[in-house]
Protein backbone atom coordinates (compact mmCIF):
# COMPACT_ATOMS: atom_id res chain seq x y z
CA LEU A 1 -45.68 -18.46 56.12
CA GLY A 2 -49.02 -17.13 55.36
CA THR A 3 -50.67 -17.23 52.09
CA THR A 4 -53.68 -15.61 50.35
CA GLY A 5 -53.42 -17.38 47.06
CA HIS A 6 -52.24 -14.10 45.49
CA ASN A 7 -49.34 -13.70 43.23
CA TRP A 8 -47.52 -11.16 45.36
CA TRP A 9 -46.42 -14.13 47.98
CA ALA A 10 -44.67 -15.85 44.84
CA TYR A 11 -42.94 -12.85 43.97
CA GLN A 12 -41.88 -11.92 47.57
CA PHE A 13 -40.83 -15.40 48.86
CA GLY A 14 -39.52 -16.25 45.35
CA GLY A 15 -37.29 -13.42 45.22
CA GLN A 16 -35.88 -14.21 48.59
CA TRP A 17 -35.34 -17.83 47.67
CA LYS A 18 -33.40 -16.49 44.37
CA ILE A 19 -31.33 -14.05 46.01
CA GLY A 20 -30.24 -16.80 48.95
CA LEU A 21 -29.68 -19.34 45.75
CA LEU A 22 -27.53 -17.06 43.64
CA PHE A 23 -25.77 -15.09 46.74
CA PRO A 24 -24.73 -18.02 49.56
CA GLU A 25 -22.36 -15.45 51.02
CA PHE A 26 -25.69 -13.63 52.58
CA LYS A 27 -26.17 -15.96 55.39
CA GLY A 28 -29.37 -14.41 56.84
CA LEU A 29 -31.09 -15.24 53.20
CA ALA A 30 -29.93 -19.16 53.91
CA GLN A 31 -33.27 -19.77 55.62
CA TYR A 32 -35.11 -19.11 52.62
CA GLN A 33 -33.66 -21.87 50.53
CA ALA A 34 -36.11 -23.93 52.49
CA PHE A 35 -38.84 -22.77 50.26
CA PHE A 36 -37.55 -25.30 47.80
CA PRO A 37 -39.47 -27.17 46.56
CA ASP A 38 -42.61 -27.71 49.00
CA TYR A 39 -43.19 -23.78 49.14
CA PHE A 40 -43.27 -23.32 45.28
CA GLU A 41 -45.65 -26.43 45.00
CA ARG A 42 -48.06 -25.38 47.26
CA GLU A 43 -48.12 -21.86 46.17
CA LEU A 44 -48.73 -23.18 42.55
CA GLY A 45 -51.58 -25.26 43.85
CA LEU A 46 -53.07 -22.21 45.45
CA LEU A 47 -52.45 -19.86 42.64
CA THR A 48 -53.74 -21.79 39.27
CA TYR A 49 -56.79 -23.97 38.53
CA PRO A 50 -55.82 -27.36 36.90
CA ASP A 51 -55.93 -25.74 33.49
CA GLY A 52 -53.21 -23.42 34.42
CA PHE A 53 -54.87 -20.16 34.24
CA THR A 54 -54.57 -18.30 37.79
CA HIS A 55 -57.19 -17.61 40.11
CA GLU A 56 -57.02 -13.88 39.41
CA CYS A 57 -58.30 -14.55 35.95
CA SER A 58 -56.23 -11.69 34.57
CA VAL A 59 -54.12 -12.31 31.66
CA ASN A 60 -51.59 -9.42 32.68
CA TYR A 61 -51.30 -10.98 36.33
CA HIS A 62 -51.38 -14.38 34.72
CA ILE A 63 -48.11 -13.85 32.50
CA GLY A 64 -46.29 -12.32 35.34
CA THR A 65 -47.24 -15.14 37.79
CA THR A 66 -45.97 -17.76 35.26
CA ASP A 67 -42.82 -16.06 34.51
CA ILE A 68 -42.18 -16.39 38.13
CA PHE A 69 -42.56 -19.91 38.34
CA LEU A 70 -40.94 -20.51 34.80
CA GLU A 71 -37.67 -18.77 36.02
CA ALA A 72 -37.88 -20.85 39.72
CA VAL A 73 -37.77 -23.88 37.53
CA HIS A 74 -34.89 -22.88 35.26
CA LEU A 75 -32.63 -21.56 38.01
CA ALA A 76 -33.44 -24.80 40.23
CA GLU A 77 -32.34 -26.88 37.55
CA ILE A 78 -29.39 -25.07 36.38
CA ASN A 79 -28.43 -25.36 40.04
CA GLY A 80 -28.89 -29.26 40.09
CA LEU A 81 -32.20 -29.06 41.96
CA ARG A 82 -35.51 -30.69 40.83
CA PHE A 83 -39.01 -29.70 41.10
CA SER A 84 -41.64 -32.51 40.72
CA ALA A 85 -42.78 -33.99 37.10
CA ALA A 86 -46.26 -32.57 38.19
CA PHE A 87 -45.11 -29.03 39.12
CA ARG A 88 -43.17 -28.73 35.72
CA GLU A 89 -46.30 -29.69 33.84
CA ARG A 90 -48.52 -27.40 35.80
CA VAL A 91 -45.96 -24.63 34.78
CA ARG A 92 -46.34 -25.75 31.41
CA ARG A 93 -50.03 -25.56 31.27
CA MET A 94 -49.79 -21.98 32.74
CA ALA A 95 -47.82 -21.06 29.71
CA ALA A 96 -50.03 -22.70 27.42
CA VAL A 97 -52.68 -20.60 28.45
CA GLU A 98 -51.44 -17.63 26.26
CA TRP A 99 -51.66 -19.36 22.90
CA LYS A 100 -54.99 -20.61 24.11
CA LEU A 101 -56.55 -16.89 25.06
CA VAL A 102 -54.46 -14.87 21.88
CA GLN A 103 -56.79 -12.62 20.04
CA PRO A 104 -56.06 -12.24 16.18
CA ASP A 105 -54.08 -9.13 16.80
CA GLY A 106 -51.38 -11.08 19.15
CA ASN A 107 -52.78 -9.19 22.09
CA ALA A 108 -54.23 -10.75 25.21
CA PRO A 109 -57.89 -10.16 25.62
CA ALA A 110 -58.79 -6.91 27.85
CA PHE A 111 -60.86 -8.31 30.60
CA ASN A 112 -60.23 -8.11 34.58
CA ASP A 113 -57.25 -5.64 34.64
CA CYS A 114 -55.90 -6.57 31.61
CA HIS A 115 -55.16 -3.60 29.10
CA SER A 116 -52.13 -3.89 26.98
CA MET A 117 -51.84 -1.50 24.36
CA GLU A 118 -49.17 -3.68 22.43
CA PRO A 119 -49.46 -7.33 20.93
CA LEU A 120 -48.13 -8.77 24.35
CA ILE A 121 -48.57 -12.25 23.72
CA LEU A 122 -47.21 -12.07 20.21
CA LYS A 123 -44.17 -10.56 21.40
CA ARG A 124 -43.52 -13.39 24.10
CA MET A 125 -44.43 -16.53 21.39
CA ARG A 126 -41.23 -17.32 20.31
CA SER A 127 -39.43 -17.04 23.58
CA LEU A 128 -42.18 -18.91 25.70
CA ALA A 129 -42.43 -21.47 23.48
CA ALA A 130 -38.81 -22.28 23.91
CA PHE A 131 -38.53 -21.74 27.52
CA ALA A 132 -41.65 -23.81 28.43
CA GLY A 133 -41.68 -26.24 25.46
CA VAL A 134 -45.30 -25.51 24.07
CA PRO A 135 -45.29 -26.73 20.77
CA GLU A 136 -48.59 -24.68 19.80
CA LEU A 137 -46.85 -21.42 20.52
CA LYS A 138 -44.22 -22.00 18.30
CA TYR A 139 -46.94 -22.98 15.44
CA LEU A 140 -48.84 -19.81 16.32
CA ALA A 141 -45.33 -17.93 16.27
CA GLU A 142 -44.75 -19.28 12.71
CA ALA A 143 -48.21 -18.78 11.65
CA MET A 144 -48.90 -15.29 12.98
CA LYS A 145 -45.22 -14.27 11.69
CA VAL A 146 -43.92 -12.89 14.75
CA PRO A 147 -41.37 -10.48 13.90
CA ARG A 148 -37.70 -12.15 14.62
CA SER A 149 -36.60 -8.76 16.03
CA THR A 150 -39.05 -8.75 18.82
CA ASP A 151 -37.77 -11.93 21.00
CA PHE A 152 -34.45 -13.15 20.53
CA GLY A 153 -30.94 -11.94 21.02
CA ARG A 154 -27.68 -12.25 22.62
CA LEU A 155 -29.06 -12.11 26.17
CA LEU A 156 -32.25 -13.86 25.87
CA VAL A 157 -35.59 -13.87 27.40
CA PRO A 158 -36.17 -10.12 27.34
CA THR A 159 -39.64 -10.82 26.77
CA LEU A 160 -40.34 -12.63 30.01
CA TYR A 161 -41.19 -10.14 32.56
CA TYR A 162 -38.69 -11.22 34.98
CA SER A 163 -35.80 -12.55 32.99
CA SER A 164 -32.34 -13.21 34.90
CA CYS A 165 -31.47 -16.36 33.15
CA GLY A 166 -29.29 -14.68 30.28
CA GLU A 167 -30.11 -17.76 28.16
CA ASP A 168 -30.26 -17.61 23.86
CA LEU A 169 -33.06 -19.63 23.31
CA THR A 170 -32.54 -19.79 19.54
CA ALA A 171 -31.43 -23.45 19.80
CA ARG A 172 -34.21 -24.57 21.81
CA TYR A 173 -36.66 -23.11 19.68
CA ARG A 174 -35.31 -24.66 16.42
CA GLN A 175 -35.20 -28.00 18.18
CA LEU A 176 -39.10 -27.81 19.61
CA LYS A 177 -41.45 -29.31 17.17
CA ALA A 178 -44.06 -27.09 16.23
CA ARG A 179 -47.93 -28.46 16.47
CA LYS A 180 -50.94 -27.11 15.26
CA PRO A 181 -53.83 -26.76 17.68
CA ALA A 182 -56.39 -29.36 17.75
CA SER A 183 -58.84 -26.64 17.15
CA ALA A 184 -59.14 -23.15 16.75
CA ASP A 185 -61.58 -23.02 19.59
CA THR A 186 -60.13 -23.12 23.19
CA SER A 187 -61.01 -23.70 26.72
CA LEU A 188 -59.79 -23.20 30.32
CA PRO A 189 -62.81 -25.21 31.89
CA ASP A 190 -61.58 -24.88 35.69
CA ALA A 191 -61.34 -21.30 35.17
CA GLY A 192 -64.65 -20.99 33.30
CA LEU A 193 -63.36 -19.44 30.09
CA TYR A 194 -63.99 -20.47 26.34
CA VAL A 195 -62.86 -19.20 23.43
CA MET A 196 -64.77 -19.38 20.25
CA ARG A 197 -63.04 -18.45 16.77
CA ASN A 198 -63.91 -18.60 13.09
């Protein structure tokens, strides 16, 4: 396998691993089970800075890449497989990037191929807080008054880009203790991004 440190490798090979995991009757896809866990762990290191932001430094690309890894962790764990604690922590840091960059209107900052016309981060806050276990996201979801209708329902995780988990996250959200961010100002020093809010 090659890599460019680009999210499309994670999409492609992650998808083949997922199909092989979920459909063992496709014998030709069995070889892709070898991607677990080493391939994912290596790619995560190539695609992200230690602070959790992806090397492409685009919030839209970052969100999609975060969802790929969140879903891989979730699918692995419900199938009795485990990633390392360091891998899971790095994925949690990827999810935390969203609250660190969120604008007052709930959207992502429009830089580097990021141009959402809707409050993209606001719509994901409650699901992402529950799914990734990020207490600051829950605090901000409550403080910013995320509409309840935006991201909870029967088949949950509709606001994660690549949801196939079908899990109702309401109980996980309720159990998560909200934590106020230590400061309104945030930083992603490895990516070179600093956010000052007044």
